[in-house]
N, C-alpha and C. Protein backbone atom coordinates (compact mmCIF):
# COMPACT_ATOMS: atom_id res chain seq x y z
N PRO A 1 0.91 5.86 9.83
CA PRO A 1 0.49 4.59 9.96
C PRO A 1 0.51 3.76 10.68
N VAL A 2 -0.16 2.74 11.10
CA VAL A 2 -0.48 1.89 11.55
C VAL A 2 -0.15 0.36 11.53
N LEU A 3 1.07 -0.44 12.42
CA LEU A 3 1.11 -1.51 12.79
C LEU A 3 0.43 -1.94 13.06
N ASP A 4 -0.13 -2.93 12.13
CA ASP A 4 -0.81 -4.20 13.00
C ASP A 4 -0.12 -5.55 12.08
N LEU A 5 0.62 -6.54 13.13
CA LEU A 5 1.16 -7.61 12.85
C LEU A 5 0.06 -8.67 13.18
N ALA A 6 -1.83 -8.35 13.29
CA ALA A 6 -2.98 -8.97 13.10
C ALA A 6 -2.41 -10.27 15.07
N GLY A 7 -2.10 -9.40 16.01
CA GLY A 7 -1.36 -9.91 17.16
C GLY A 7 -0.31 -11.23 17.71
N HIS A 8 0.30 -11.22 16.32
CA HIS A 8 1.95 -11.55 16.09
C HIS A 8 2.60 -11.14 17.27
N CYS A 9 3.23 -9.73 17.09
CA CYS A 9 3.27 -9.52 18.02
C CYS A 9 3.22 -7.82 17.82
N GLY A 10 3.75 -7.07 18.93
CA GLY A 10 3.49 -5.57 18.59
C GLY A 10 3.47 -5.24 20.08
N PRO A 11 3.40 -3.66 20.28
CA PRO A 11 3.15 -2.94 21.19
C PRO A 11 2.17 -3.72 23.17
N THR A 12 1.21 -4.30 22.77
CA THR A 12 0.44 -5.04 23.39
C THR A 12 0.83 -6.51 23.87
N VAL A 13 2.04 -6.94 22.81
CA VAL A 13 1.60 -8.94 22.73
C VAL A 13 3.14 -8.87 23.22
N GLY A 14 4.40 -7.85 22.49
CA GLY A 14 5.64 -7.72 23.11
C GLY A 14 6.21 -7.74 21.43
N PRO A 15 7.92 -7.73 21.36
CA PRO A 15 8.91 -7.41 20.77
C PRO A 15 8.35 -8.18 19.67
N CYS A 16 8.47 -7.42 18.21
CA CYS A 16 8.10 -8.28 16.79
C CYS A 16 9.84 -8.66 16.14
N THR A 17 10.39 -9.44 17.23
CA THR A 17 12.08 -9.83 16.82
C THR A 17 11.84 -11.59 16.58
N ILE A 18 10.51 -12.08 16.79
CA ILE A 18 10.44 -13.63 16.44
C ILE A 18 10.67 -14.50 15.66
N PHE A 19 10.59 -13.32 14.35
CA PHE A 19 11.58 -14.20 13.19
C PHE A 19 12.16 -13.86 12.50
N ASN A 20 13.44 -13.05 13.87
CA ASN A 20 14.93 -12.52 13.32
C ASN A 20 15.22 -13.22 12.85
N SER A 21 15.32 -14.68 13.15
CA SER A 21 16.54 -15.21 12.70
C SER A 21 16.12 -15.82 11.31
N ASP A 22 14.85 -16.60 11.41
CA ASP A 22 14.32 -17.18 9.56
C ASP A 22 14.02 -15.90 9.02
N ILE A 23 14.06 -14.46 8.84
CA ILE A 23 14.01 -13.76 7.92
C ILE A 23 15.29 -13.79 7.61
N LYS A 24 16.46 -13.89 8.45
CA LYS A 24 18.04 -13.62 8.35
C LYS A 24 18.23 -15.04 7.30
N THR A 25 18.44 -16.31 7.55
CA THR A 25 18.28 -17.18 6.83
C THR A 25 17.43 -17.88 5.62
N CYS A 26 16.38 -16.74 5.32
CA CYS A 26 15.63 -16.93 4.35
C CYS A 26 16.50 -15.52 3.50
N GLN A 27 17.15 -14.68 3.93
CA GLN A 27 18.28 -14.18 3.10
C GLN A 27 19.26 -13.99 2.86
N ASP A 28 19.84 -14.93 3.72
CA ASP A 28 21.06 -16.18 3.18
C ASP A 28 21.10 -16.32 2.07
N LYS A 29 19.57 -17.36 1.98
CA LYS A 29 19.42 -18.27 0.60
C LYS A 29 19.52 -17.33 -0.81
N GLY A 30 19.29 -15.83 -0.36
CA GLY A 30 18.45 -15.16 -1.58
C GLY A 30 17.29 -15.09 -1.53
N ILE A 31 16.80 -15.53 -0.32
CA ILE A 31 15.44 -15.23 -0.71
C ILE A 31 14.62 -13.84 -0.18
N LYS A 32 13.98 -13.03 -1.51
CA LYS A 32 14.06 -11.80 -0.76
C LYS A 32 12.33 -11.63 0.14
N VAL A 33 12.61 -10.87 1.16
CA VAL A 33 11.77 -10.99 2.19
C VAL A 33 11.19 -9.46 1.55
N LEU A 34 10.01 -9.20 2.10
CA LEU A 34 9.25 -8.28 2.23
C LEU A 34 7.91 -8.33 3.29
N LEU A 35 7.68 -6.99 3.04
CA LEU A 35 6.48 -6.40 4.42
C LEU A 35 5.17 -6.60 3.44
N SER A 36 3.28 -6.97 3.50
CA SER A 36 2.86 -6.97 3.08
C SER A 36 2.48 -5.28 3.39
N ILE A 37 1.40 -4.68 2.94
CA ILE A 37 0.59 -3.55 3.08
C ILE A 37 -0.71 -3.81 2.52
N GLY A 38 -1.61 -3.78 3.55
CA GLY A 38 -2.65 -3.35 2.53
C GLY A 38 -3.56 -4.70 3.15
N GLY A 39 -4.30 -5.52 2.66
CA GLY A 39 -4.63 -6.78 2.57
C GLY A 39 -6.36 -6.50 2.76
N GLY A 40 -7.70 -7.66 2.43
CA GLY A 40 -7.92 -7.82 2.14
C GLY A 40 -9.49 -7.19 3.05
N TYR A 41 -9.00 -7.20 4.33
CA TYR A 41 -9.63 -6.32 5.65
C TYR A 41 -8.94 -4.90 6.17
N GLY A 42 -9.77 -4.95 6.29
CA GLY A 42 -9.04 -3.21 7.05
C GLY A 42 -10.55 -1.60 6.10
N SER A 43 -9.91 -1.05 6.67
CA SER A 43 -9.97 0.03 5.96
C SER A 43 -8.28 1.41 5.69
N TYR A 44 -8.43 1.41 4.57
CA TYR A 44 -7.05 2.10 4.73
C TYR A 44 -6.64 2.57 3.32
N SER A 45 -6.21 3.77 3.47
CA SER A 45 -6.13 4.73 1.85
C SER A 45 -4.77 5.54 1.80
N LEU A 46 -4.40 6.53 1.13
CA LEU A 46 -3.27 7.03 0.98
C LEU A 46 -4.83 8.91 1.20
N SER A 47 -4.06 9.85 1.93
CA SER A 47 -4.84 11.18 1.70
C SER A 47 -4.20 12.06 -0.11
N SER A 48 -2.78 12.32 0.23
CA SER A 48 -2.55 12.84 -0.50
C SER A 48 -1.10 12.58 -1.07
N ALA A 49 -0.26 12.99 -2.16
CA ALA A 49 1.18 13.05 -2.71
C ALA A 49 1.71 12.87 -1.11
N GLU A 50 2.11 14.02 -0.38
CA GLU A 50 2.54 13.91 0.79
C GLU A 50 2.34 12.51 1.83
N ASP A 51 1.24 12.90 2.39
CA ASP A 51 1.22 11.42 2.65
C ASP A 51 1.60 9.93 2.35
N ALA A 52 1.82 9.96 0.81
CA ALA A 52 2.43 9.01 0.31
C ALA A 52 3.87 8.62 0.62
N GLN A 53 4.34 10.47 1.07
CA GLN A 53 5.62 10.64 0.99
C GLN A 53 6.32 10.47 2.26
N ASN A 54 4.98 10.12 3.62
CA ASN A 54 4.68 9.99 4.84
C ASN A 54 5.23 9.11 5.14
N VAL A 55 4.18 8.10 4.10
CA VAL A 55 4.48 6.45 4.41
C VAL A 55 5.51 6.08 4.13
N ALA A 56 6.51 6.92 3.16
CA ALA A 56 7.08 6.11 1.97
C ALA A 56 8.43 6.13 3.17
N ASN A 57 8.35 7.85 4.19
CA ASN A 57 9.59 7.46 4.68
C ASN A 57 9.40 6.74 6.34
N TYR A 58 8.33 6.66 6.81
CA TYR A 58 8.14 5.17 7.53
C TYR A 58 8.40 3.89 7.41
N LEU A 59 8.31 3.84 6.31
CA LEU A 59 8.45 2.03 5.32
C LEU A 59 9.63 1.85 5.20
N TRP A 60 10.80 3.32 5.20
CA TRP A 60 12.05 3.21 5.28
C TRP A 60 12.65 2.90 6.22
N ASN A 61 12.54 4.09 7.04
CA ASN A 61 12.63 4.34 8.13
C ASN A 61 12.88 3.18 9.52
N ASN A 62 12.08 2.43 9.16
CA ASN A 62 11.36 1.50 10.32
C ASN A 62 11.79 -0.02 9.71
N PHE A 63 11.76 -0.75 8.63
CA PHE A 63 11.71 -1.73 7.73
C PHE A 63 12.66 -2.00 6.99
N LEU A 64 13.42 -1.01 6.12
CA LEU A 64 13.97 -0.66 4.71
C LEU A 64 15.47 -0.73 4.46
N GLY A 65 15.85 0.03 6.72
CA GLY A 65 17.03 0.23 6.36
C GLY A 65 16.97 1.40 6.58
N GLY A 66 16.68 2.00 6.64
CA GLY A 66 17.33 3.42 6.78
C GLY A 66 17.43 4.24 8.06
N ASN A 67 16.92 5.30 8.37
CA ASN A 67 18.24 6.40 9.45
C ASN A 67 17.54 6.32 11.08
N THR A 68 16.91 5.11 10.95
CA THR A 68 15.69 5.08 12.27
C THR A 68 17.00 4.94 13.79
N GLY A 69 17.60 3.58 13.08
CA GLY A 69 18.26 2.41 13.43
C GLY A 69 17.28 1.01 13.79
N ALA A 70 17.13 0.98 14.85
CA ALA A 70 15.86 -0.49 14.64
C ALA A 70 14.80 -0.03 14.72
N GLY A 71 13.52 -0.82 13.84
CA GLY A 71 12.73 -0.47 14.01
C GLY A 71 11.82 -1.46 14.32
N PRO A 72 10.67 -1.83 14.27
CA PRO A 72 9.34 -2.66 15.08
C PRO A 72 9.86 -4.01 15.01
N LEU A 73 10.99 -4.27 13.86
CA LEU A 73 10.97 -5.49 13.81
C LEU A 73 12.61 -6.45 14.48
N GLY A 74 13.03 -4.98 15.48
CA GLY A 74 14.35 -5.29 15.85
C GLY A 74 15.69 -5.05 14.86
N ASP A 75 16.57 -5.12 14.41
CA ASP A 75 17.47 -5.00 13.22
C ASP A 75 17.40 -5.69 12.38
N VAL A 76 16.93 -6.32 12.11
CA VAL A 76 16.72 -6.93 10.36
C VAL A 76 15.73 -5.97 9.14
N VAL A 77 16.33 -5.73 8.52
CA VAL A 77 16.06 -5.00 7.14
C VAL A 77 15.33 -6.09 5.94
N LEU A 78 14.31 -5.45 6.07
CA LEU A 78 13.99 -6.01 4.65
C LEU A 78 14.10 -5.64 3.89
N ASP A 79 13.87 -6.26 1.80
CA ASP A 79 14.16 -6.31 1.62
C ASP A 79 13.28 -4.88 0.32
N GLY A 80 11.92 -5.17 0.56
CA GLY A 80 10.97 -4.24 -0.15
C GLY A 80 9.12 -3.98 0.37
N ILE A 81 8.75 -3.54 -0.10
CA ILE A 81 7.29 -3.32 0.20
C ILE A 81 6.47 -4.47 -0.27
N ASP A 82 5.54 -4.91 0.24
CA ASP A 82 4.16 -5.66 -1.14
C ASP A 82 3.30 -5.45 -1.22
N PHE A 83 2.59 -4.09 -2.05
CA PHE A 83 1.17 -4.26 -2.34
C PHE A 83 -0.26 -4.89 -2.25
N ASP A 84 -0.79 -5.26 -0.73
CA ASP A 84 -1.77 -6.16 -1.56
C ASP A 84 -3.13 -5.03 -1.18
N ILE A 85 -3.38 -3.96 -2.29
CA ILE A 85 -4.35 -2.64 -2.21
C ILE A 85 -6.03 -3.71 -2.54
N GLU A 86 -7.09 -3.34 -1.16
CA GLU A 86 -7.60 -4.69 -1.42
C GLU A 86 -9.24 -3.52 -2.00
N SER A 87 -9.39 -2.53 -1.29
CA SER A 87 -10.05 -1.74 -1.22
C SER A 87 -9.93 -0.39 -1.14
N GLY A 88 -10.96 0.34 -0.28
CA GLY A 88 -10.23 2.47 -0.45
C GLY A 88 -10.20 2.49 -1.19
N ASN A 89 -9.95 4.51 -1.25
CA ASN A 89 -9.67 5.61 -2.46
C ASN A 89 -8.64 4.89 -2.82
N PRO A 90 -8.22 4.55 -4.81
CA PRO A 90 -7.58 4.26 -5.63
C PRO A 90 -5.85 5.20 -5.37
N ASP A 91 -6.06 6.18 -5.33
CA ASP A 91 -5.29 7.36 -5.67
C ASP A 91 -3.85 7.51 -4.52
N HIS A 92 -3.19 7.75 -4.79
CA HIS A 92 -1.61 7.58 -4.60
C HIS A 92 -1.12 6.72 -4.74
N TRP A 93 -0.70 5.71 -4.68
CA TRP A 93 -0.42 4.13 -4.63
C TRP A 93 1.11 4.32 -5.43
N ASP A 94 0.64 4.49 -6.85
CA ASP A 94 1.62 5.18 -7.45
C ASP A 94 2.22 6.25 -6.62
N ASP A 95 2.18 7.14 -6.15
CA ASP A 95 3.29 7.92 -5.86
C ASP A 95 4.10 7.35 -4.48
N LEU A 96 3.37 6.57 -4.17
CA LEU A 96 4.03 5.62 -3.02
C LEU A 96 4.84 4.71 -3.50
N ALA A 97 4.79 4.69 -4.60
CA ALA A 97 5.78 3.13 -5.23
C ALA A 97 7.01 4.02 -5.92
N ARG A 98 6.33 5.13 -6.25
CA ARG A 98 7.80 6.53 -6.96
C ARG A 98 8.15 7.06 -5.47
N ALA A 99 7.66 7.15 -4.69
CA ALA A 99 8.56 7.47 -3.14
C ALA A 99 9.68 6.79 -2.96
N LEU A 100 9.41 4.87 -3.09
CA LEU A 100 9.74 3.62 -2.36
C LEU A 100 10.83 3.65 -3.44
N SER A 101 10.72 3.64 -4.74
CA SER A 101 11.60 3.43 -5.45
C SER A 101 12.83 4.87 -5.29
N ALA A 102 12.41 5.88 -5.39
CA ALA A 102 13.52 6.81 -4.63
C ALA A 102 14.88 6.48 -3.47
N PHE A 103 14.32 5.78 -2.61
CA PHE A 103 15.47 5.28 -2.13
C PHE A 103 16.21 4.53 -2.50
N ASN A 104 15.96 3.43 -3.63
CA ASN A 104 17.09 2.69 -4.32
C ASN A 104 18.28 3.43 -4.23
N GLN A 105 19.31 3.83 -3.59
CA GLN A 105 20.27 4.07 -4.62
C GLN A 105 21.32 4.13 -2.98
N GLY A 106 22.12 2.28 -3.17
CA GLY A 106 23.05 1.57 -1.60
C GLY A 106 22.43 0.60 -2.43
N LYS A 107 21.06 0.59 -2.26
CA LYS A 107 20.32 -0.63 -1.54
C LYS A 107 18.88 -0.76 -2.24
N LYS A 108 18.94 -1.57 -3.02
CA LYS A 108 17.42 -1.92 -3.56
C LYS A 108 16.28 -2.16 -2.83
N VAL A 109 15.41 -1.51 -3.15
CA VAL A 109 14.25 -1.89 -2.66
C VAL A 109 12.47 -1.89 -4.02
N TYR A 110 13.04 -3.66 -3.11
CA TYR A 110 12.17 -4.06 -4.11
C TYR A 110 10.59 -4.00 -3.53
N LEU A 111 9.93 -3.68 -5.24
CA LEU A 111 8.23 -3.44 -5.47
C LEU A 111 7.45 -5.17 -5.61
N ALA A 112 6.53 -5.18 -4.49
CA ALA A 112 5.84 -6.02 -5.31
C ALA A 112 4.42 -5.79 -5.50
N ALA A 113 2.90 -6.60 -5.94
CA ALA A 113 1.85 -6.34 -6.01
C ALA A 113 1.62 -7.50 -6.60
N ALA A 114 -0.16 -7.50 -5.47
CA ALA A 114 -0.70 -8.58 -5.34
C ALA A 114 -2.20 -7.95 -6.12
N PRO A 115 -2.30 -8.17 -7.61
CA PRO A 115 -3.86 -7.17 -8.01
C PRO A 115 -4.58 -7.78 -8.03
N GLN A 116 -5.90 -7.87 -7.64
CA GLN A 116 -7.27 -9.12 -8.35
C GLN A 116 -7.42 -8.72 -9.85
N CYS A 117 -7.73 -10.16 -10.53
CA CYS A 117 -6.78 -10.40 -11.40
C CYS A 117 -8.66 -9.47 -12.39
N PRO A 118 -9.46 -9.25 -12.60
CA PRO A 118 -10.30 -8.44 -13.46
C PRO A 118 -9.18 -7.26 -13.65
N TYR A 119 -9.25 -6.99 -14.89
CA TYR A 119 -8.61 -6.00 -15.68
C TYR A 119 -8.70 -4.66 -15.82
N PRO A 120 -8.69 -3.07 -15.48
CA PRO A 120 -7.99 -2.93 -14.83
C PRO A 120 -8.23 -3.03 -13.16
N ASP A 121 -6.81 -3.20 -12.60
CA ASP A 121 -7.35 -3.69 -10.92
C ASP A 121 -7.57 -2.04 -10.98
N ALA A 122 -8.60 -2.34 -9.36
CA ALA A 122 -9.78 -0.94 -9.54
C ALA A 122 -8.30 -0.44 -8.33
N SER A 123 -7.63 -0.73 -7.72
CA SER A 123 -7.01 -0.01 -7.11
C SER A 123 -5.84 0.14 -7.05
N LEU A 124 -5.06 -1.10 -7.44
CA LEU A 124 -3.59 -0.49 -8.14
C LEU A 124 -3.45 -0.44 -9.65
N ASN A 125 -4.41 0.02 -10.29
CA ASN A 125 -3.88 0.40 -11.94
C ASN A 125 -3.36 1.43 -12.01
N GLY A 126 -3.05 2.56 -11.43
CA GLY A 126 -2.05 3.58 -10.69
C GLY A 126 -1.17 3.11 -10.67
N ALA A 127 -0.86 2.46 -9.49
CA ALA A 127 0.78 2.13 -9.30
C ALA A 127 1.20 1.19 -10.06
N LEU A 128 0.31 0.32 -11.20
CA LEU A 128 1.18 -0.83 -11.86
C LEU A 128 1.24 0.12 -13.22
N SER A 129 1.10 1.10 -13.27
CA SER A 129 1.15 2.18 -14.69
C SER A 129 2.71 2.37 -14.93
N THR A 130 3.05 2.63 -13.65
CA THR A 130 4.40 2.96 -13.51
C THR A 130 5.27 1.58 -13.45
N GLY A 131 5.43 1.05 -13.92
CA GLY A 131 6.41 0.08 -14.05
C GLY A 131 7.46 0.24 -13.42
N LEU A 132 6.87 0.53 -12.06
CA LEU A 132 8.33 0.68 -11.09
C LEU A 132 8.24 -0.86 -10.33
N PHE A 133 8.05 -1.65 -10.18
CA PHE A 133 7.02 -2.76 -9.85
C PHE A 133 8.23 -4.43 -10.21
N ASN A 134 8.70 -5.29 -9.17
CA ASN A 134 9.91 -5.95 -9.56
C ASN A 134 8.97 -6.97 -9.63
N TYR A 135 7.55 -7.18 -9.00
CA TYR A 135 7.17 -8.87 -8.99
C TYR A 135 5.53 -8.39 -8.79
N VAL A 136 4.62 -9.01 -9.61
CA VAL A 136 3.48 -8.85 -9.34
C VAL A 136 2.60 -10.47 -9.69
N GLN A 137 2.23 -10.43 -8.85
CA GLN A 137 1.72 -11.54 -8.43
C GLN A 137 0.07 -11.12 -8.50
N VAL A 138 -0.65 -11.88 -9.23
CA VAL A 138 -1.86 -11.46 -9.94
C VAL A 138 -2.53 -12.69 -9.25
N GLN A 139 -3.85 -12.44 -8.15
CA GLN A 139 -4.76 -13.09 -7.61
C GLN A 139 -5.66 -13.44 -8.45
N PHE A 140 -5.30 -14.71 -8.90
CA PHE A 140 -6.65 -15.22 -9.80
C PHE A 140 -7.53 -16.60 -8.70
N TYR A 141 -8.29 -15.71 -8.61
CA TYR A 141 -8.80 -16.03 -7.23
C TYR A 141 -9.93 -14.77 -6.56
N ASN A 142 -10.85 -15.91 -5.95
CA ASN A 142 -12.19 -14.87 -5.26
C ASN A 142 -12.71 -13.55 -7.03
N ASN A 143 -12.47 -14.16 -8.01
CA ASN A 143 -13.14 -13.13 -8.49
C ASN A 143 -13.86 -14.11 -10.06
N PRO A 144 -14.94 -14.33 -9.49
CA PRO A 144 -15.33 -15.78 -11.29
C PRO A 144 -15.05 -15.14 -12.37
N PRO A 145 -15.00 -14.55 -12.95
CA PRO A 145 -14.73 -13.76 -14.58
C PRO A 145 -14.06 -14.58 -14.66
N CYS A 146 -12.55 -14.41 -13.91
CA CYS A 146 -11.32 -14.48 -13.93
C CYS A 146 -10.73 -15.17 -13.27
N GLN A 147 -10.98 -16.31 -12.78
CA GLN A 147 -10.53 -17.25 -11.50
C GLN A 147 -10.77 -18.05 -12.12
N TYR A 148 -9.30 -19.63 -11.68
CA TYR A 148 -9.75 -21.13 -11.36
C TYR A 148 -10.42 -21.56 -10.54
N ALA A 149 -11.77 -22.01 -11.02
CA ALA A 149 -12.25 -22.90 -10.54
C ALA A 149 -12.81 -23.75 -11.28
N ASP A 150 -13.71 -24.99 -10.48
CA ASP A 150 -14.06 -25.60 -10.81
C ASP A 150 -13.39 -26.99 -12.32
N ASN A 151 -12.16 -26.98 -11.53
CA ASN A 151 -11.00 -27.38 -12.59
C ASN A 151 -11.09 -27.62 -14.02
N SER A 152 -11.03 -26.35 -13.84
CA SER A 152 -10.65 -25.78 -15.35
C SER A 152 -10.57 -24.53 -15.27
N ALA A 153 -9.21 -23.82 -16.08
CA ALA A 153 -8.16 -23.40 -16.13
C ALA A 153 -8.66 -21.91 -17.53
N ASN A 154 -9.62 -22.11 -17.80
CA ASN A 154 -10.08 -21.22 -18.98
C ASN A 154 -9.88 -19.94 -18.76
N ASN A 155 -10.93 -18.96 -17.90
CA ASN A 155 -11.06 -18.12 -17.48
C ASN A 155 -10.12 -17.14 -16.94
N LEU A 156 -8.82 -18.16 -16.13
CA LEU A 156 -7.92 -17.52 -16.44
C LEU A 156 -6.53 -17.30 -16.99
N LEU A 157 -6.45 -18.56 -17.63
CA LEU A 157 -5.83 -18.62 -19.29
C LEU A 157 -6.47 -17.12 -20.38
N ASN A 158 -7.63 -16.55 -20.10
CA ASN A 158 -8.03 -15.81 -20.87
C ASN A 158 -8.42 -14.82 -20.47
N SER A 159 -7.85 -14.30 -18.89
CA SER A 159 -7.67 -12.89 -18.37
C SER A 159 -6.12 -12.88 -18.48
N TRP A 160 -5.52 -14.12 -18.24
CA TRP A 160 -4.03 -13.90 -18.64
C TRP A 160 -3.57 -12.94 -19.99
N ASN A 161 -4.30 -13.83 -20.90
CA ASN A 161 -3.78 -13.20 -22.47
C ASN A 161 -4.31 -12.01 -22.49
N GLN A 162 -5.11 -12.01 -22.19
CA GLN A 162 -5.33 -10.89 -22.40
C GLN A 162 -5.23 -9.28 -21.98
N TYR A 163 -5.02 -9.27 -20.73
CA TYR A 163 -4.15 -8.68 -19.66
C TYR A 163 -2.88 -8.85 -19.13
N TRP A 164 -2.50 -9.40 -19.12
CA TRP A 164 -1.71 -9.62 -17.98
C TRP A 164 -0.27 -9.48 -18.68
N THR A 165 -0.13 -10.46 -19.54
CA THR A 165 0.83 -10.37 -20.68
C THR A 165 1.38 -8.92 -20.73
N THR A 166 0.79 -7.58 -20.19
CA THR A 166 1.54 -6.48 -21.32
C THR A 166 1.73 -5.46 -19.63
N ILE A 167 1.61 -6.70 -18.70
CA ILE A 167 1.76 -5.16 -18.03
C ILE A 167 3.14 -5.16 -16.72
N GLN A 168 4.11 -3.95 -17.36
CA GLN A 168 5.33 -4.05 -17.12
C GLN A 168 5.71 -4.11 -15.98
N ALA A 169 6.49 -5.41 -15.52
CA ALA A 169 6.78 -6.36 -14.39
C ALA A 169 8.74 -7.01 -14.69
N ASP A 170 9.41 -6.44 -13.81
CA ASP A 170 10.32 -7.58 -14.45
C ASP A 170 10.04 -9.00 -13.65
N GLN A 171 9.08 -9.66 -13.03
CA GLN A 171 8.48 -10.88 -12.99
C GLN A 171 6.93 -11.11 -12.69
N VAL A 172 6.13 -11.31 -13.87
CA VAL A 172 4.79 -11.44 -13.45
C VAL A 172 4.04 -12.48 -12.73
N LEU A 173 3.63 -12.97 -11.76
CA LEU A 173 3.25 -15.00 -11.33
C LEU A 173 2.23 -14.46 -10.99
N LEU A 174 1.52 -15.97 -11.07
CA LEU A 174 0.78 -16.68 -11.37
C LEU A 174 -0.11 -16.34 -9.89
N GLY A 175 -1.15 -16.11 -8.85
CA GLY A 175 -1.36 -16.34 -7.55
C GLY A 175 -2.75 -16.79 -7.43
N LEU A 176 -2.71 -18.51 -6.79
CA LEU A 176 -3.40 -19.60 -6.95
C LEU A 176 -3.69 -19.80 -4.72
N PRO A 177 -5.45 -19.98 -4.44
CA PRO A 177 -4.75 -20.19 -3.54
C PRO A 177 -4.69 -21.20 -2.93
N ALA A 178 -3.86 -22.05 -2.07
CA ALA A 178 -3.69 -23.63 -1.32
C ALA A 178 -4.45 -24.43 -1.57
N ALA A 179 -5.55 -23.38 -1.08
CA ALA A 179 -7.12 -24.85 -0.19
C ALA A 179 -8.03 -23.93 -0.77
N PRO A 180 -9.57 -25.12 -1.39
CA PRO A 180 -10.90 -24.73 -2.15
C PRO A 180 -11.53 -23.32 -0.93
N GLU A 181 -11.20 -23.60 0.32
CA GLU A 181 -11.38 -22.20 1.65
C GLU A 181 -11.07 -20.72 1.25
């Protein structure tokens, strides 16, 4: 796996401990802090179930309190992983969800996903079908057939009522942009 924190910290900038006190403050208040993987840019995929297990082991050991001691964020332990898979091969994200869920012994590992609103999501449908996600925040933007646009929620509501009410997750959340840009 490649760790890219967009220049905020890392091997070329310095240790990634600058947010540790903020993370711990949030967690002390019951706010879950998750690491988001994927995103709208870049190229990423999982080549096999074994690759998914290797990524799960890396995430567990470096961010979720596994067996390697301090990870890239220092001694802070995150609460889970957010799947923001927007491109690439859709295969094996379900394997990653299963592998991460297998670590749910003693410490809960929260899983979240941020699928695009067209249903089924081209990248995350297999993973979402596992029913293992605690939170699913549907991105109701950047997709005209189902997004909130022009001060109208009609497309969003049609998509929500037709598809997203059936998703298996503890909580399904509505994702909207904070600004029109």
